[in-house]
Amino acid sequence: MWKKVLVVVAVVGAAAYVAKRVKTASEERALWHEATTAPDLR
């Protein structure tokens, strides 16, 4: 019983960690894109 709960908690924790890393990477990529593109001066 406790093994199953521990496995579920570990999987949920790993999924949350991966989701956080993906979100951070996406925000970082967006920031670099904004910083390195030429401004639109129209």
PDB file of N, CA and C in Angstrom:
ATOM      1  N   MET A   1       0.831  -1.199   0.000  1.00  0.00           N
ATOM      2  CA  MET A   1       0.000   0.000   0.000  1.00  0.00           C
ATOM      3  C   MET A   1       0.874   1.262   0.000  1.00  0.00           C
ATOM      4  N   TRP A   2       1.807   1.353   0.951  1.00  0.00           N
ATOM      5  CA  TRP A   2       2.642   2.543   1.031  1.00  0.00           C
ATOM      6  C   TRP A   2       3.579   2.669  -0.158  1.00  0.00           C
ATOM      7  N   LYS A   3       3.973   1.530  -0.728  1.00  0.00           N
ATOM      8  CA  LYS A   3       4.838   1.584  -1.914  1.00  0.00           C
ATOM      9  C   LYS A   3       4.119   2.277  -3.060  1.00  0.00           C
ATOM     10  N   LYS A   4       2.840   1.939  -3.256  1.00  0.00           N
ATOM     11  CA  LYS A   4       2.067   2.537  -4.342  1.00  0.00           C
ATOM     12  C   LYS A   4       1.918   4.042  -4.134  1.00  0.00           C
ATOM     13  N   VAL A   5       1.635   4.440  -2.893  1.00  0.00           N
ATOM     14  CA  VAL A   5       1.495   5.869  -2.598  1.00  0.00           C
ATOM     15  C   VAL A   5       2.816   6.587  -2.853  1.00  0.00           C
ATOM     16  N   LEU A   6       3.901   5.987  -2.428  1.00  0.00           N
ATOM     17  CA  LEU A   6       5.220   6.592  -2.628  1.00  0.00           C
ATOM     18  C   LEU A   6       5.548   6.715  -4.117  1.00  0.00           C
ATOM     19  N   VAL A   7       5.215   5.702  -4.894  1.00  0.00           N
ATOM     20  CA  VAL A   7       5.465   5.747  -6.341  1.00  0.00           C
ATOM     21  C   VAL A   7       4.635   6.841  -6.989  1.00  0.00           C
ATOM     22  N   VAL A   8       3.372   6.954  -6.605  1.00  0.00           N
ATOM     23  CA  VAL A   8       2.504   7.990  -7.172  1.00  0.00           C
ATOM     24  C   VAL A   8       3.031   9.377  -6.814  1.00  0.00           C
ATOM     25  N   VAL A   9       3.443   9.565  -5.573  1.00  0.00           N
ATOM     26  CA  VAL A   9       3.994  10.857  -5.152  1.00  0.00           C
ATOM     27  C   VAL A   9       5.266  11.174  -5.928  1.00  0.00           C
ATOM     28  N   ALA A  10       6.109  10.175  -6.134  1.00  0.00           N
ATOM     29  CA  ALA A  10       7.341  10.391  -6.891  1.00  0.00           C
ATOM     30  C   ALA A  10       7.045  10.767  -8.340  1.00  0.00           C
ATOM     31  N   VAL A  11       6.082  10.106  -8.948  1.00  0.00           N
ATOM     32  CA  VAL A  11       5.733  10.405 -10.344  1.00  0.00           C
ATOM     33  C   VAL A  11       5.146  11.808 -10.463  1.00  0.00           C
ATOM     34  N   VAL A  12       4.264  12.163  -9.543  1.00  0.00           N
ATOM     35  CA  VAL A  12       3.673  13.507  -9.569  1.00  0.00           C
ATOM     36  C   VAL A  12       4.750  14.565  -9.341  1.00  0.00           C
ATOM     37  N   GLY A  13       5.664  14.305  -8.423  1.00  0.00           N
ATOM     38  CA  GLY A  13       6.755  15.246  -8.174  1.00  0.00           C
ATOM     39  C   GLY A  13       7.648  15.409  -9.386  1.00  0.00           C
ATOM     40  N   ALA A  14       7.965  14.303 -10.035  1.00  0.00           N
ATOM     41  CA  ALA A  14       8.805  14.365 -11.236  1.00  0.00           C
ATOM     42  C   ALA A  14       8.100  15.133 -12.352  1.00  0.00           C
ATOM     43  N   ALA A  15       6.800  14.904 -12.502  1.00  0.00           N
ATOM     44  CA  ALA A  15       6.046  15.609 -13.542  1.00  0.00           C
ATOM     45  C   ALA A  15       6.011  17.111 -13.259  1.00  0.00           C
ATOM     46  N   ALA A  16       5.834  17.478 -12.005  1.00  0.00           N
ATOM     47  CA  ALA A  16       5.821  18.898 -11.645  1.00  0.00           C
ATOM     48  C   ALA A  16       7.190  19.526 -11.906  1.00  0.00           C
ATOM     49  N   TYR A  17       8.256  18.807 -11.593  1.00  0.00           N
ATOM     50  CA  TYR A  17       9.614  19.303 -11.823  1.00  0.00           C
ATOM     51  C   TYR A  17       9.863  19.525 -13.317  1.00  0.00           C
ATOM     52  N   VAL A  18       9.469  18.557 -14.130  1.00  0.00           N
ATOM     53  CA  VAL A  18       9.659  18.672 -15.584  1.00  0.00           C
ATOM     54  C   VAL A  18       8.836  19.831 -16.128  1.00  0.00           C
ATOM     55  N   ALA A  19       7.598  19.967 -15.675  1.00  0.00           N
ATOM     56  CA  ALA A  19       6.745  21.061 -16.148  1.00  0.00           C
ATOM     57  C   ALA A  19       7.361  22.413 -15.785  1.00  0.00           C
ATOM     58  N   LYS A  20       7.922  22.509 -14.591  1.00  0.00           N
ATOM     59  CA  LYS A  20       8.563  23.766 -14.169  1.00  0.00           C
ATOM     60  C   LYS A  20       9.776  24.068 -15.042  1.00  0.00           C
ATOM     61  N   ARG A  21      10.581  23.048 -15.332  1.00  0.00           N
ATOM     62  CA  ARG A  21      11.759  23.251 -16.174  1.00  0.00           C
ATOM     63  C   ARG A  21      11.368  23.683 -17.590  1.00  0.00           C
ATOM     64  N   VAL A  22      10.317  23.069 -18.145  1.00  0.00           N
ATOM     65  CA  VAL A  22       9.867  23.421 -19.494  1.00  0.00           C
ATOM     66  C   VAL A  22       9.359  24.854 -19.520  1.00  0.00           C
ATOM     67  N   LYS A  23       8.601  25.245 -18.505  1.00  0.00           N
ATOM     68  CA  LYS A  23       8.078  26.609 -18.436  1.00  0.00           C
ATOM     69  C   LYS A  23       9.216  27.615 -18.326  1.00  0.00           C
ATOM     70  N   THR A  24      10.194  27.322 -17.491  1.00  0.00           N
ATOM     71  CA  THR A  24      11.341  28.213 -17.324  1.00  0.00           C
ATOM     72  C   THR A  24      12.123  28.339 -18.625  1.00  0.00           C
ATOM     73  N   ALA A  25      12.335  27.223 -19.309  1.00  0.00           N
ATOM     74  CA  ALA A  25      13.070  27.255 -20.579  1.00  0.00           C
ATOM     75  C   ALA A  25      12.311  28.062 -21.625  1.00  0.00           C
ATOM     76  N   SER A  26      10.995  27.919 -21.639  1.00  0.00           N
ATOM     77  CA  SER A  26      10.182  28.665 -22.599  1.00  0.00           C
ATOM     78  C   SER A  26      10.255  30.165 -22.321  1.00  0.00           C
ATOM     79  N   GLU A  27      10.175  30.534 -21.059  1.00  0.00           N
ATOM     80  CA  GLU A  27      10.280  31.951 -20.709  1.00  0.00           C
ATOM     81  C   GLU A  27      11.653  32.505 -21.055  1.00  0.00           C
ATOM     82  N   GLU A  28      12.685  31.719 -20.807  1.00  0.00           N
ATOM     83  CA  GLU A  28      14.057  32.141 -21.132  1.00  0.00           C
ATOM     84  C   GLU A  28      14.216  32.339 -22.640  1.00  0.00           C
ATOM     85  N   ARG A  29      13.664  31.406 -23.419  1.00  0.00           N
ATOM     86  CA  ARG A  29      13.747  31.505 -24.884  1.00  0.00           C
ATOM     87  C   ARG A  29      12.997  32.738 -25.379  1.00  0.00           C
ATOM     88  N   ALA A  30      11.838  33.031 -24.797  1.00  0.00           N
ATOM     89  CA  ALA A  30      11.072  34.209 -25.195  1.00  0.00           C
ATOM     90  C   ALA A  30      11.835  35.488 -24.855  1.00  0.00           C
ATOM     91  N   LEU A  31      12.482  35.501 -23.707  1.00  0.00           N
ATOM     92  CA  LEU A  31      13.256  36.670 -23.307  1.00  0.00           C
ATOM     93  C   LEU A  31      14.425  36.899 -24.259  1.00  0.00           C
ATOM     94  N   TRP A  32      15.145  35.833 -24.608  1.00  0.00           N
ATOM     95  CA  TRP A  32      16.256  35.966 -25.545  1.00  0.00           C
ATOM     96  C   TRP A  32      15.763  36.416 -26.918  1.00  0.00           C
ATOM     97  N   HIS A  33      14.613  35.916 -27.336  1.00  0.00           N
ATOM     98  CA  HIS A  33      14.060  36.317 -28.629  1.00  0.00           C
ATOM     99  C   HIS A  33      13.756  37.811 -28.623  1.00  0.00           C
ATOM    100  N   GLU A  34      13.152  38.276 -27.543  1.00  0.00           N
ATOM    101  CA  GLU A  34      12.824  39.698 -27.442  1.00  0.00           C
ATOM    102  C   GLU A  34      14.086  40.547 -27.393  1.00  0.00           C
ATOM    103  N   ALA A  35      15.108  40.066 -26.700  1.00  0.00           N
ATOM    104  CA  ALA A  35      16.335  40.846 -26.546  1.00  0.00           C
ATOM    105  C   ALA A  35      17.180  40.888 -27.802  1.00  0.00           C
ATOM    106  N   THR A  36      17.046  39.886 -28.665  1.00  0.00           N
ATOM    107  CA  THR A  36      17.932  39.811 -29.825  1.00  0.00           C
ATOM    108  C   THR A  36      17.271  40.155 -31.151  1.00  0.00           C
ATOM    109  N   THR A  37      15.984  40.468 -31.146  1.00  0.00           N
ATOM    110  CA  THR A  37      15.337  40.874 -32.390  1.00  0.00           C
ATOM    111  C   THR A  37      15.343  42.383 -32.504  1.00  0.00           C
ATOM    112  N   ALA A  38      15.400  42.846 -33.732  1.00  0.00           N
ATOM    113  CA  ALA A  38      15.413  44.285 -33.966  1.00  0.00           C
ATOM    114  C   ALA A  38      14.045  44.871 -33.625  1.00  0.00           C
ATOM    115  N   PRO A  39      14.038  46.066 -33.077  1.00  0.00           N
ATOM    116  CA  PRO A  39      12.748  46.690 -32.760  1.00  0.00           C
ATOM    117  C   PRO A  39      11.996  47.055 -34.039  1.00  0.00           C
ATOM    118  N   ASP A  40      10.689  47.014 -33.951  1.00  0.00           N
ATOM    119  CA  ASP A  40       9.849  47.373 -35.080  1.00  0.00           C
ATOM    120  C   ASP A  40       9.625  48.895 -35.036  1.00  0.00           C
ATOM    121  N   LEU A  41      10.302  49.619 -35.936  1.00  0.00           N
ATOM    122  CA  LEU A  41      10.264  51.082 -35.907  1.00  0.00           C
ATOM    123  C   LEU A  41       9.322  51.657 -36.952  1.00  0.00           C
ATOM    124  N   ARG A  42       8.301  50.930 -37.333  1.00  0.00           N
ATOM    125  CA  ARG A  42       7.359  51.447 -38.330  1.00  0.00           C
ATOM    126  C   ARG A  42       6.475  52.508 -37.753  1.00  0.00           C
TER     127      ARG A  42
END
